[in-house]
Each structure stands twice: as C-alpha cells, then as structure tokens.
Amino acid sequence: MSDLAKTQHPAKSTTDLENSRTDIGKIQFLTYLKRTNMPLKKMQDYVHHYEKREENQCYALHKK
C-alpha cells in the first residue's frame, strides 16, 4: 500500500459541506444558463443581477 493510500484525510466541517453544496448549486445554475445558449457575457450580467435580486433585469437578459 502506498503512503498516499495510508494518509487519512481530515473530516470536513459543516461549514465546508455547506460551502460545497453552495458551489455545486452555482455550477448547476451556470450549466442551466449555458444550456439556454446564453453567451458568457450575458451569463455574467445575469448572475450579477440575480445576486442583487433584480428579477426584471434577469428576465430582460434571458429574453434577448
């Protein structure tokens, strides 16, 4: 058995797991936007407005 296989990994904290779930959610969200054929620049604008809860701006970007 290699030394790497013998290495024990530290347990993840609850915060680490919550951050991981948040990151996965963001990746899924961006994947959804990409599947709509939205260009990267629009995706950046969409996320910016989404984080500010500017739903009308998001809707306008998605419909263009």
PDB file of N, CA and C in Angstrom:
ATOM      1  N   MET A   1       0.862  -1.180   0.000  1.00  0.00           N
ATOM      2  CA  MET A   1       0.000   0.000   0.000  1.00  0.00           C
ATOM      3  C   MET A   1       0.906   1.241   0.000  1.00  0.00           C
ATOM      4  N   SER A   2       0.575   2.205  -0.840  1.00  0.00           N
ATOM      5  CA  SER A   2       1.383   3.419  -0.920  1.00  0.00           C
ATOM      6  C   SER A   2       1.145   4.307   0.304  1.00  0.00           C
ATOM      7  N   ASP A   3       2.100   5.223   0.528  1.00  0.00           N
ATOM      8  CA  ASP A   3       1.955   6.165   1.639  1.00  0.00           C
ATOM      9  C   ASP A   3       0.735   7.043   1.458  1.00  0.00           C
ATOM     10  N   LEU A   4       0.429   7.378   0.192  1.00  0.00           N
ATOM     11  CA  LEU A   4      -0.730   8.224  -0.099  1.00  0.00           C
ATOM     12  C   LEU A   4      -2.026   7.521   0.303  1.00  0.00           C
ATOM     13  N   ALA A   5      -2.110   6.241   0.056  1.00  0.00           N
ATOM     14  CA  ALA A   5      -3.308   5.479   0.406  1.00  0.00           C
ATOM     15  C   ALA A   5      -3.478   5.374   1.916  1.00  0.00           C
ATOM     16  N   LYS A   6      -2.361   5.420   2.650  1.00  0.00           N
ATOM     17  CA  LYS A   6      -2.424   5.317   4.107  1.00  0.00           C
ATOM     18  C   LYS A   6      -2.806   6.641   4.771  1.00  0.00           C
ATOM     19  N   THR A   7      -2.685   7.733   4.038  1.00  0.00           N
ATOM     20  CA  THR A   7      -2.954   9.058   4.590  1.00  0.00           C
ATOM     21  C   THR A   7      -4.427   9.210   4.910  1.00  0.00           C
ATOM     22  N   GLN A   8      -4.708   9.665   6.107  1.00  0.00           N
ATOM     23  CA  GLN A   8      -6.091   9.921   6.480  1.00  0.00           C
ATOM     24  C   GLN A   8      -6.422  11.369   6.174  1.00  0.00           C
ATOM     25  N   HIS A   9      -7.539  11.569   5.568  1.00  0.00           N
ATOM     26  CA  HIS A   9      -7.975  12.918   5.236  1.00  0.00           C
ATOM     27  C   HIS A   9      -8.756  13.502   6.402  1.00  0.00           C
ATOM     28  N   PRO A  10      -8.518  14.781   6.695  1.00  0.00           N
ATOM     29  CA  PRO A  10      -9.265  15.401   7.800  1.00  0.00           C
ATOM     30  C   PRO A  10     -10.755  15.450   7.485  1.00  0.00           C
ATOM     31  N   ALA A  11     -11.544  15.315   8.517  1.00  0.00           N
ATOM     32  CA  ALA A  11     -13.001  15.390   8.334  1.00  0.00           C
ATOM     33  C   ALA A  11     -13.382  16.810   7.935  1.00  0.00           C
ATOM     34  N   LYS A  12     -14.344  16.899   7.051  1.00  0.00           N
ATOM     35  CA  LYS A  12     -14.822  18.223   6.640  1.00  0.00           C
ATOM     36  C   LYS A  12     -15.782  18.751   7.693  1.00  0.00           C
ATOM     37  N   SER A  13     -15.682  20.049   7.908  1.00  0.00           N
ATOM     38  CA  SER A  13     -16.589  20.675   8.862  1.00  0.00           C
ATOM     39  C   SER A  13     -17.943  20.901   8.195  1.00  0.00           C
ATOM     40  N   THR A  14     -18.926  21.203   8.997  1.00  0.00           N
ATOM     41  CA  THR A  14     -20.264  21.502   8.487  1.00  0.00           C
ATOM     42  C   THR A  14     -20.214  22.683   7.532  1.00  0.00           C
ATOM     43  N   THR A  15     -19.383  23.677   7.857  1.00  0.00           N
ATOM     44  CA  THR A  15     -19.258  24.857   7.003  1.00  0.00           C
ATOM     45  C   THR A  15     -18.693  24.477   5.643  1.00  0.00           C
ATOM     46  N   ASP A  16     -17.684  23.594   5.633  1.00  0.00           N
ATOM     47  CA  ASP A  16     -17.106  23.138   4.368  1.00  0.00           C
ATOM     48  C   ASP A  16     -18.158  22.447   3.507  1.00  0.00           C
ATOM     49  N   LEU A  17     -18.975  21.621   4.136  1.00  0.00           N
ATOM     50  CA  LEU A  17     -20.012  20.904   3.395  1.00  0.00           C
ATOM     51  C   LEU A  17     -21.068  21.865   2.855  1.00  0.00           C
ATOM     52  N   GLU A  18     -21.427  22.864   3.657  1.00  0.00           N
ATOM     53  CA  GLU A  18     -22.407  23.854   3.193  1.00  0.00           C
ATOM     54  C   GLU A  18     -21.837  24.646   2.028  1.00  0.00           C
ATOM     55  N   ASN A  19     -20.557  25.026   2.120  1.00  0.00           N
ATOM     56  CA  ASN A  19     -19.914  25.746   1.024  1.00  0.00           C
ATOM     57  C   ASN A  19     -19.853  24.889  -0.230  1.00  0.00           C
ATOM     58  N   SER A  20     -19.576  23.604  -0.073  1.00  0.00           N
ATOM     59  CA  SER A  20     -19.534  22.701  -1.214  1.00  0.00           C
ATOM     60  C   SER A  20     -20.898  22.624  -1.884  1.00  0.00           C
ATOM     61  N   ARG A  21     -21.948  22.526  -1.105  1.00  0.00           N
ATOM     62  CA  ARG A  21     -23.302  22.477  -1.668  1.00  0.00           C
ATOM     63  C   ARG A  21     -23.631  23.772  -2.397  1.00  0.00           C
ATOM     64  N   THR A  22     -23.214  24.892  -1.816  1.00  0.00           N
ATOM     65  CA  THR A  22     -23.443  26.188  -2.449  1.00  0.00           C
ATOM     66  C   THR A  22     -22.708  26.256  -3.783  1.00  0.00           C
ATOM     67  N   ASP A  23     -21.464  25.813  -3.786  1.00  0.00           N
ATOM     68  CA  ASP A  23     -20.671  25.823  -5.020  1.00  0.00           C
ATOM     69  C   ASP A  23     -21.302  24.930  -6.085  1.00  0.00           C
ATOM     70  N   ILE A  24     -21.763  23.765  -5.688  1.00  0.00           N
ATOM     71  CA  ILE A  24     -22.407  22.848  -6.633  1.00  0.00           C
ATOM     72  C   ILE A  24     -23.680  23.489  -7.190  1.00  0.00           C
ATOM     73  N   GLY A  25     -24.436  24.163  -6.338  1.00  0.00           N
ATOM     74  CA  GLY A  25     -25.642  24.853  -6.801  1.00  0.00           C
ATOM     75  C   GLY A  25     -25.317  25.924  -7.826  1.00  0.00           C
ATOM     76  N   LYS A  26     -24.230  26.663  -7.590  1.00  0.00           N
ATOM     77  CA  LYS A  26     -23.829  27.702  -8.543  1.00  0.00           C
ATOM     78  C   LYS A  26     -23.407  27.090  -9.877  1.00  0.00           C
ATOM     79  N   ILE A  27     -22.690  25.989  -9.816  1.00  0.00           N
ATOM     80  CA  ILE A  27     -22.267  25.311 -11.045  1.00  0.00           C
ATOM     81  C   ILE A  27     -23.483  24.812 -11.815  1.00  0.00           C
ATOM     82  N   GLN A  28     -24.450  24.242 -11.112  1.00  0.00           N
ATOM     83  CA  GLN A  28     -25.673  23.770 -11.768  1.00  0.00           C
ATOM     84  C   GLN A  28     -26.421  24.930 -12.409  1.00  0.00           C
ATOM     85  N   PHE A  29     -26.482  26.057 -11.720  1.00  0.00           N
ATOM     86  CA  PHE A  29     -27.166  27.239 -12.230  1.00  0.00           C
ATOM     87  C   PHE A  29     -26.490  27.738 -13.511  1.00  0.00           C
ATOM     88  N   LEU A  30     -25.162  27.820 -13.495  1.00  0.00           N
ATOM     89  CA  LEU A  30     -24.427  28.268 -14.679  1.00  0.00           C
ATOM     90  C   LEU A  30     -24.561  27.277 -15.825  1.00  0.00           C
ATOM     91  N   THR A  31     -24.597  26.003 -15.503  1.00  0.00           N
ATOM     92  CA  THR A  31     -24.794  24.980 -16.530  1.00  0.00           C
ATOM     93  C   THR A  31     -26.163  25.147 -17.184  1.00  0.00           C
ATOM     94  N   TYR A  32     -27.174  25.436 -16.385  1.00  0.00           N
ATOM     95  CA  TYR A  32     -28.514  25.678 -16.924  1.00  0.00           C
ATOM     96  C   TYR A  32     -28.483  26.868 -17.890  1.00  0.00           C
ATOM     97  N   LEU A  33     -27.849  27.968 -17.468  1.00  0.00           N
ATOM     98  CA  LEU A  33     -27.789  29.146 -18.332  1.00  0.00           C
ATOM     99  C   LEU A  33     -27.060  28.828 -19.630  1.00  0.00           C
ATOM    100  N   LYS A  34     -25.991  28.072 -19.546  1.00  0.00           N
ATOM    101  CA  LYS A  34     -25.228  27.720 -20.747  1.00  0.00           C
ATOM    102  C   LYS A  34     -26.071  26.870 -21.687  1.00  0.00           C
ATOM    103  N   ARG A  35     -26.889  25.988 -21.133  1.00  0.00           N
ATOM    104  CA  ARG A  35     -27.749  25.133 -21.965  1.00  0.00           C
ATOM    105  C   ARG A  35     -28.810  25.931 -22.715  1.00  0.00           C
ATOM    106  N   THR A  36     -29.053  27.150 -22.274  1.00  0.00           N
ATOM    107  CA  THR A  36     -30.004  28.007 -22.997  1.00  0.00           C
ATOM    108  C   THR A  36     -29.302  28.752 -24.137  1.00  0.00           C
ATOM    109  N   ASN A  37     -28.018  28.415 -24.352  1.00  0.00           N
ATOM    110  CA  ASN A  37     -27.182  29.058 -25.381  1.00  0.00           C
ATOM    111  C   ASN A  37     -26.911  30.528 -25.075  1.00  0.00           C
ATOM    112  N   MET A  38     -26.963  30.887 -23.808  1.00  0.00           N
ATOM    113  CA  MET A  38     -26.673  32.258 -23.408  1.00  0.00           C
ATOM    114  C   MET A  38     -25.164  32.490 -23.500  1.00  0.00           C
ATOM    115  N   PRO A  39     -24.737  33.562 -24.154  1.00  0.00           N
ATOM    116  CA  PRO A  39     -23.308  33.873 -24.225  1.00  0.00           C
ATOM    117  C   PRO A  39     -22.729  34.167 -22.831  1.00  0.00           C
ATOM    118  N   LEU A  40     -21.431  33.969 -22.697  1.00  0.00           N
ATOM    119  CA  LEU A  40     -20.772  34.142 -21.408  1.00  0.00           C
ATOM    120  C   LEU A  40     -20.986  35.537 -20.826  1.00  0.00           C
ATOM    121  N   LYS A  41     -20.880  36.573 -21.635  1.00  0.00           N
ATOM    122  CA  LYS A  41     -21.069  37.950 -21.147  1.00  0.00           C
ATOM    123  C   LYS A  41     -22.468  38.120 -20.557  1.00  0.00           C
ATOM    124  N   LYS A  42     -23.469  37.580 -21.228  1.00  0.00           N
ATOM    125  CA  LYS A  42     -24.841  37.667 -20.707  1.00  0.00           C
ATOM    126  C   LYS A  42     -24.976  36.871 -19.419  1.00  0.00           C
ATOM    127  N   MET A  43     -24.291  35.717 -19.348  1.00  0.00           N
ATOM    128  CA  MET A  43     -24.340  34.915 -18.130  1.00  0.00           C
ATOM    129  C   MET A  43     -23.767  35.715 -16.961  1.00  0.00           C
ATOM    130  N   GLN A  44     -22.663  36.422 -17.197  1.00  0.00           N
ATOM    131  CA  GLN A  44     -22.067  37.240 -16.146  1.00  0.00           C
ATOM    132  C   GLN A  44     -23.037  38.332 -15.703  1.00  0.00           C
ATOM    133  N   ASP A  45     -23.669  39.001 -16.666  1.00  0.00           N
ATOM    134  CA  ASP A  45     -24.643  40.042 -16.335  1.00  0.00           C
ATOM    135  C   ASP A  45     -25.834  39.451 -15.583  1.00  0.00           C
ATOM    136  N   TYR A  46     -26.294  38.297 -16.033  1.00  0.00           N
ATOM    137  CA  TYR A  46     -27.440  37.631 -15.407  1.00  0.00           C
ATOM    138  C   TYR A  46     -27.131  37.321 -13.936  1.00  0.00           C
ATOM    139  N   VAL A  47     -25.954  36.731 -13.696  1.00  0.00           N
ATOM    140  CA  VAL A  47     -25.572  36.376 -12.320  1.00  0.00           C
ATOM    141  C   VAL A  47     -25.460  37.639 -11.466  1.00  0.00           C
ATOM    142  N   HIS A  48     -24.899  38.691 -12.040  1.00  0.00           N
ATOM    143  CA  HIS A  48     -24.777  39.959 -11.317  1.00  0.00           C
ATOM    144  C   HIS A  48     -26.154  40.454 -10.867  1.00  0.00           C
ATOM    145  N   HIS A  49     -27.121  40.473 -11.781  1.00  0.00           N
ATOM    146  CA  HIS A  49     -28.467  40.944 -11.450  1.00  0.00           C
ATOM    147  C   HIS A  49     -29.186  39.956 -10.517  1.00  0.00           C
ATOM    148  N   TYR A  50     -28.943  38.665 -10.718  1.00  0.00           N
ATOM    149  CA  TYR A  50     -29.561  37.641  -9.876  1.00  0.00           C
ATOM    150  C   TYR A  50     -29.137  37.819  -8.416  1.00  0.00           C
ATOM    151  N   GLU A  51     -27.836  38.060  -8.212  1.00  0.00           N
ATOM    152  CA  GLU A  51     -27.338  38.237  -6.847  1.00  0.00           C
ATOM    153  C   GLU A  51     -27.903  39.488  -6.186  1.00  0.00           C
ATOM    154  N   LYS A  52     -28.256  40.490  -6.988  1.00  0.00           N
ATOM    155  CA  LYS A  52     -28.855  41.723  -6.460  1.00  0.00           C
ATOM    156  C   LYS A  52     -30.377  41.623  -6.405  1.00  0.00           C
ATOM    157  N   ARG A  53     -30.909  40.460  -6.788  1.00  0.00           N
ATOM    158  CA  ARG A  53     -32.354  40.197  -6.799  1.00  0.00           C
ATOM    159  C   ARG A  53     -33.109  41.153  -7.723  1.00  0.00           C
ATOM    160  N   GLU A  54     -32.490  41.452  -8.841  1.00  0.00           N
ATOM    161  CA  GLU A  54     -33.106  42.312  -9.855  1.00  0.00           C
ATOM    162  C   GLU A  54     -33.740  41.415 -10.928  1.00  0.00           C
ATOM    163  N   GLU A  55     -34.895  40.855 -10.573  1.00  0.00           N
ATOM    164  CA  GLU A  55     -35.532  39.863 -11.429  1.00  0.00           C
ATOM    165  C   GLU A  55     -35.909  40.396 -12.808  1.00  0.00           C
ATOM    166  N   ASN A  56     -36.341  41.650 -12.876  1.00  0.00           N
ATOM    167  CA  ASN A  56     -36.723  42.215 -14.174  1.00  0.00           C
ATOM    168  C   ASN A  56     -35.525  42.279 -15.112  1.00  0.00           C
ATOM    169  N   GLN A  57     -34.366  42.614 -14.569  1.00  0.00           N
ATOM    170  CA  GLN A  57     -33.151  42.654 -15.387  1.00  0.00           C
ATOM    171  C   GLN A  57     -32.778  41.252 -15.870  1.00  0.00           C
ATOM    172  N   CYS A  58     -32.914  40.271 -15.006  1.00  0.00           N
ATOM    173  CA  CYS A  58     -32.632  38.881 -15.379  1.00  0.00           C
ATOM    174  C   CYS A  58     -33.565  38.442 -16.503  1.00  0.00           C
ATOM    175  N   TYR A  59     -34.831  38.732 -16.339  1.00  0.00           N
ATOM    176  CA  TYR A  59     -35.824  38.346 -17.347  1.00  0.00           C
ATOM    177  C   TYR A  59     -35.504  39.017 -18.681  1.00  0.00           C
ATOM    178  N   ALA A  60     -35.147  40.298 -18.645  1.00  0.00           N
ATOM    179  CA  ALA A  60     -34.828  41.028 -19.873  1.00  0.00           C
ATOM    180  C   ALA A  60     -33.608  40.412 -20.578  1.00  0.00           C
ATOM    181  N   LEU A  61     -32.604  40.026 -19.812  1.00  0.00           N
ATOM    182  CA  LEU A  61     -31.411  39.413 -20.407  1.00  0.00           C
ATOM    183  C   LEU A  61     -31.721  38.059 -21.023  1.00  0.00           C
ATOM    184  N   HIS A  62     -32.551  37.314 -20.345  1.00  0.00           N
ATOM    185  CA  HIS A  62     -32.873  35.957 -20.813  1.00  0.00           C
ATOM    186  C   HIS A  62     -33.693  36.006 -22.105  1.00  0.00           C
ATOM    187  N   LYS A  63     -34.513  37.015 -22.263  1.00  0.00           N
ATOM    188  CA  LYS A  63     -35.400  37.096 -23.429  1.00  0.00           C
ATOM    189  C   LYS A  63     -34.728  37.711 -24.655  1.00  0.00           C
ATOM    190  N   LYS A  64     -33.568  38.366 -24.476  1.00  0.00           N
ATOM    191  CA  LYS A  64     -32.894  38.997 -25.611  1.00  0.00           C
ATOM    192  C   LYS A  64     -32.334  37.982 -26.559  1.00  0.00           C
TER     193      LYS A  64
END
